[in-house]
Every structure is written in structure tokens, then in C-alpha cells.
Protein backbone atom coordinates (compact mmCIF):
# COMPACT_ATOMS: atom_id res chain seq x y z
CA MET A 1 105.00 104.05 95.60
CA ARG A 2 104.86 104.82 91.64
CA GLU A 3 106.45 102.49 89.25
CA ARG A 4 108.55 104.12 86.51
CA PRO A 5 107.51 103.62 83.42
CA SER A 6 109.01 101.35 80.83
CA SER A 7 109.68 101.42 76.83
CA GLU A 8 109.70 97.71 76.38
CA LEU A 9 106.00 97.42 78.32
CA THR A 10 104.33 99.57 75.57
CA LYS A 11 104.46 96.00 73.52
CA ALA A 12 102.72 94.19 76.50
CA ILE A 13 99.46 92.34 75.96
CA PHE A 14 97.17 91.17 77.69
CA ARG A 15 94.54 88.37 77.66
CA PRO A 16 92.41 86.47 80.61
CA LEU A 17 93.34 83.39 82.18
CA THR A 18 91.47 80.09 80.68
CA THR A 19 91.89 76.21 80.41
CA ARG A 20 93.87 77.21 76.96
CA ASN A 21 96.47 79.76 78.59
CA TRP A 22 96.67 77.65 82.29
CA ALA A 23 99.80 76.52 80.99
CA ASP A 24 101.27 80.11 80.80
CA LEU A 25 100.52 80.69 84.31
CA GLU A 26 101.92 77.62 86.26
CA ARG A 27 105.58 78.63 84.05
CA LEU A 28 104.91 82.36 85.68
CA PHE A 29 103.85 81.20 89.27
CA GLY A 30 106.56 78.57 89.34
CA PRO A 31 107.03 75.64 91.69
CA ARG A 32 106.14 78.06 94.69
CA GLY A 33 102.73 79.15 93.31
CA ALA A 34 103.82 82.37 92.62
CA CYS A 35 104.37 82.56 96.65
CA ALA A 36 104.45 79.95 99.35
CA GLY A 37 102.22 77.36 97.50
CA CYS A 38 99.44 79.91 97.12
CA TRP A 39 98.31 79.49 93.62
CA CYS A 40 95.75 83.02 94.19
CA MET A 41 93.60 81.01 97.00
CA TRP A 42 94.46 82.80 99.73
CA TRP A 43 91.05 85.15 99.28
CA ARG A 44 88.68 82.15 98.14
CA LEU A 45 89.46 80.23 101.05
CA GLU A 46 89.20 79.93 105.06
CA ARG A 47 92.92 80.22 106.49
CA ALA A 48 93.16 76.76 108.25
CA LYS A 49 92.15 75.42 104.89
CA TRP A 50 94.45 77.31 103.04
CA ALA A 51 96.99 76.06 104.66
CA LYS A 52 95.95 72.84 104.42
CA GLN A 53 95.78 72.88 100.87
CA GLN A 54 99.14 75.31 100.30
CA GLY A 55 101.07 74.00 97.01
CA GLU A 56 99.30 71.39 94.82
CA LYS A 57 96.16 70.71 96.68
CA ASN A 58 95.67 74.80 95.80
CA ARG A 59 96.87 74.32 92.06
CA ARG A 60 94.59 72.08 91.70
CA ALA A 61 91.80 73.76 92.91
CA PHE A 62 92.24 77.02 91.25
CA ARG A 63 93.27 75.02 88.04
CA LYS A 64 89.38 73.45 88.19
CA ILE A 65 88.12 77.09 88.95
CA VAL A 66 89.41 78.24 86.09
CA GLY A 67 87.97 75.44 84.48
CA SER A 68 84.50 76.41 85.22
CA GLY A 69 84.62 79.13 82.81
CA VAL A 70 84.30 81.56 85.82
CA PRO A 71 85.98 85.02 85.96
CA THR A 72 89.99 84.71 87.21
CA GLY A 73 92.31 87.24 85.76
CA VAL A 74 94.18 88.13 83.20
CA LEU A 75 97.18 87.33 82.31
CA ALA A 76 100.22 89.80 80.77
CA TYR A 77 102.80 88.81 78.31
CA LEU A 78 105.83 90.44 76.53
CA GLY A 79 105.98 88.07 72.91
CA GLN A 80 104.96 84.63 74.52
CA GLU A 81 106.20 84.73 77.23
CA PRO A 82 103.72 85.46 81.01
CA VAL A 83 105.18 88.40 82.78
CA GLY A 84 102.43 89.41 85.26
CA TRP A 85 98.57 88.57 86.53
CA CYS A 86 96.14 90.33 87.85
CA ALA A 87 93.30 88.51 89.77
CA ILE A 88 90.14 90.06 89.36
CA ALA A 89 86.29 88.32 89.94
CA PRO A 90 82.75 89.31 91.59
CA ARG A 91 83.11 89.52 95.25
CA GLU A 92 81.14 86.68 95.80
CA HIS A 93 84.18 84.48 94.85
CA TYR A 94 86.52 86.08 97.79
CA SER A 95 85.35 84.65 100.69
CA ARG A 96 87.59 86.13 102.80
CA LEU A 97 86.71 89.53 101.88
CA ALA A 98 83.80 89.18 103.75
CA ARG A 99 84.73 87.67 106.94
CA SER A 100 87.86 90.32 106.80
CA ARG A 101 87.18 93.09 109.57
CA VAL A 102 89.28 95.56 107.38
CA LEU A 103 88.31 94.69 103.81
CA CYS A 104 84.32 93.58 104.80
CA PRO A 105 81.79 94.65 102.38
CA VAL A 106 81.09 98.92 102.51
CA ASP A 107 77.84 98.33 101.15
CA ASP A 108 75.62 95.79 99.26
CA GLU A 109 76.49 97.01 95.93
CA THR A 110 77.84 94.40 93.10
CA VAL A 111 81.26 94.52 93.24
CA TRP A 112 84.02 92.69 91.17
CA SER A 113 87.00 92.36 93.35
CA VAL A 114 90.75 93.43 92.18
CA THR A 115 93.30 90.80 95.05
CA CYS A 116 96.27 90.37 93.73
CA PHE A 117 99.32 91.37 91.49
CA PHE A 118 102.28 88.86 90.57
CA VAL A 119 104.72 90.80 88.11
CA ARG A 120 108.26 88.41 87.30
CA LYS A 121 111.03 90.00 89.23
CA GLU A 122 112.92 91.62 86.73
CA HIS A 123 109.30 93.57 85.81
CA ARG A 124 108.51 94.99 88.94
CA ARG A 125 108.19 98.92 89.54
CA SER A 126 108.22 99.25 85.63
CA GLY A 127 104.88 100.08 85.24
CA LEU A 128 103.30 96.69 84.35
CA THR A 129 101.00 96.79 87.80
CA SER A 130 99.08 100.07 86.29
CA GLN A 131 98.57 98.35 83.16
CA LEU A 132 97.47 94.87 84.46
CA LEU A 133 95.21 96.53 86.68
CA GLN A 134 93.26 98.48 83.59
CA ALA A 135 93.68 95.19 81.44
CA ALA A 136 91.40 93.66 84.44
CA MET A 137 89.17 97.24 84.87
CA GLN A 138 88.61 96.46 80.75
CA TYR A 139 88.07 92.60 81.26
CA ALA A 140 85.37 93.39 84.05
CA HIS A 141 83.64 96.21 82.06
CA LYS A 142 83.05 93.46 79.30
CA GLN A 143 81.62 90.82 81.54
CA GLY A 144 79.42 93.30 82.91
CA ALA A 145 80.81 95.03 85.68
CA LYS A 146 79.51 98.58 87.03
CA ILE A 147 81.79 99.09 90.24
CA ILE A 148 85.69 97.57 90.01
CA GLU A 149 87.20 97.61 93.95
CA GLY A 150 90.29 97.08 95.21
CA TYR A 151 92.25 96.69 98.16
CA PRO A 152 95.75 98.33 98.15
CA GLN A 153 98.59 99.02 100.15
CA ASP A 154 99.30 102.48 101.44
CA PRO A 155 102.75 101.91 103.40
CA ARG A 156 103.65 104.98 105.74
CA ARG A 157 107.46 104.14 105.79
CA GLY A 158 108.88 103.89 102.76
CA GLU A 159 109.46 100.70 100.65
CA MET A 160 107.97 97.61 101.36
CA PRO A 161 108.71 93.84 100.71
CA ASP A 162 107.34 92.69 97.20
CA ALA A 163 105.97 89.77 99.11
CA PHE A 164 103.94 92.37 101.13
CA ALA A 165 102.96 94.39 98.24
CA TYR A 166 101.00 91.70 96.18
CA THR A 167 97.25 93.77 96.59
CA GLY A 168 99.59 96.65 95.03
CA PHE A 169 99.56 99.83 96.22
CA VAL A 170 97.26 103.52 96.22
CA SER A 171 98.91 105.56 93.84
CA VAL A 172 98.83 102.74 91.33
CA PHE A 173 94.73 102.39 92.19
CA LEU A 174 94.76 106.92 91.96
CA GLU A 175 96.93 106.67 88.78
CA VAL A 176 93.85 104.78 86.86
CA GLY A 177 91.42 106.62 88.97
CA PHE A 178 90.28 104.75 92.03
CA GLU A 179 88.68 106.54 94.59
CA GLU A 180 89.18 105.69 98.52
CA VAL A 181 85.18 104.38 100.12
CA ALA A 182 86.38 103.21 103.31
CA ARG A 183 89.44 103.10 105.76
CA ARG A 184 89.34 100.77 108.32
CA SER A 185 93.36 100.43 108.58
CA ALA A 186 95.89 103.05 108.32
CA THR A 187 97.95 101.43 105.72
CA ARG A 188 94.93 99.55 104.17
CA PRO A 189 92.13 101.96 102.19
CA ILE A 190 89.29 100.46 100.09
CA MET A 191 89.39 101.81 96.63
CA ARG A 192 86.58 101.99 93.91
CA LEU A 193 85.97 102.74 90.27
CA MET A 194 82.76 103.23 89.10
CA GLY A 195 80.86 103.08 85.98
CA GLY A 196 81.57 100.96 83.03
CA GLY A 197 79.36 97.71 82.43
């Protein structure tokens, strides 16, 4: 599922999320916290705790994580307007990955994980996801990451609703140099990019 490049996006800039631009993330995510009150906490919590915190409690929890200074991801901007988000952090920050039958670690390597994309509706399928992924990779490499891992969807029957595409598509990861290293589900490979740091 390839994105259509947009000439407008050559003007996109990318910044790591910090407390200084937290308000931009809130503006991008809107009152629903990107999707169903997630606030990018899905991969960080057990299902029951995530559901209990859904909405405002997840927002406050993620704000606290950002305030601690640990890496959380990068925002995309067109001018001053936030238009996209990519979550990336060391894999151990995402406890749900360790518990997942399909996405649990393939080895003991130190890995950074790309877990989520959120792009404003009018910029979807425009090439922004690919740019966000590249910006996230550069950010992680500057932080010392040597292996970056992603968990994209590999849809078998054409289109997939945007709500289910938040981990990205295989085609985008292949485009920037990732390779498949494991597949425990027909539609959900584990992909890696080696090097950097």
C-alpha cells in the first residue's frame, strides 16, 4: 500500500516531542487523544489498565512520560501546524510488546521500536508516513540506537481502514530500508533496520 508523494510535504519539518511542544501534540491528537482516548499509551500498559485510563488519565500519563525527558517520538509540521506523529522509543518502554504472542522480542538485542503513526486526515496517503519514519530513525540514531524495529501491517485484501493502520504498512518500511526478521502472523511481520548509533 504505497503512499502518493505530495510536493507540499517537501516543506515538512520534524521535531522531537518535548514539554516545549506538548501543546502541538494535543492540538494534533484532538479531544479523542488520536484514537479512542489512547494518547499513545496502548503499547505501554496492560489492556485493563489502558482501558481504565482511557481518555484524560492516559493524556496525563503520557504528559508525565514526556516531562521525564525520555524519548517518545517526533512530530511533523507544515509551517507552524502539527500534521503528523511517529512514536519511537527503546523497546523496553513498551511492555505490551514483551507480552505479545505475535510481536514479542525475537532476540535479546537492544532495540528501538516504532509503534505508532498518527497523521491528520487530509495528509494521509501523501508520503508523510515515510518522512515521519525517516525522521524518527534519524532521531533514534542520534540517541545511540543501533537497531530500529517496526511492526507494520501487511494487508492481504487491499484497503485497510485508517484506524487499523496506526503501526504503518510494510511498503513504507521497505521503502526506507527495513527488512523482515520474523513473522508469527500472516499480516504482521517484525521488521528491522540495522546500523546507526
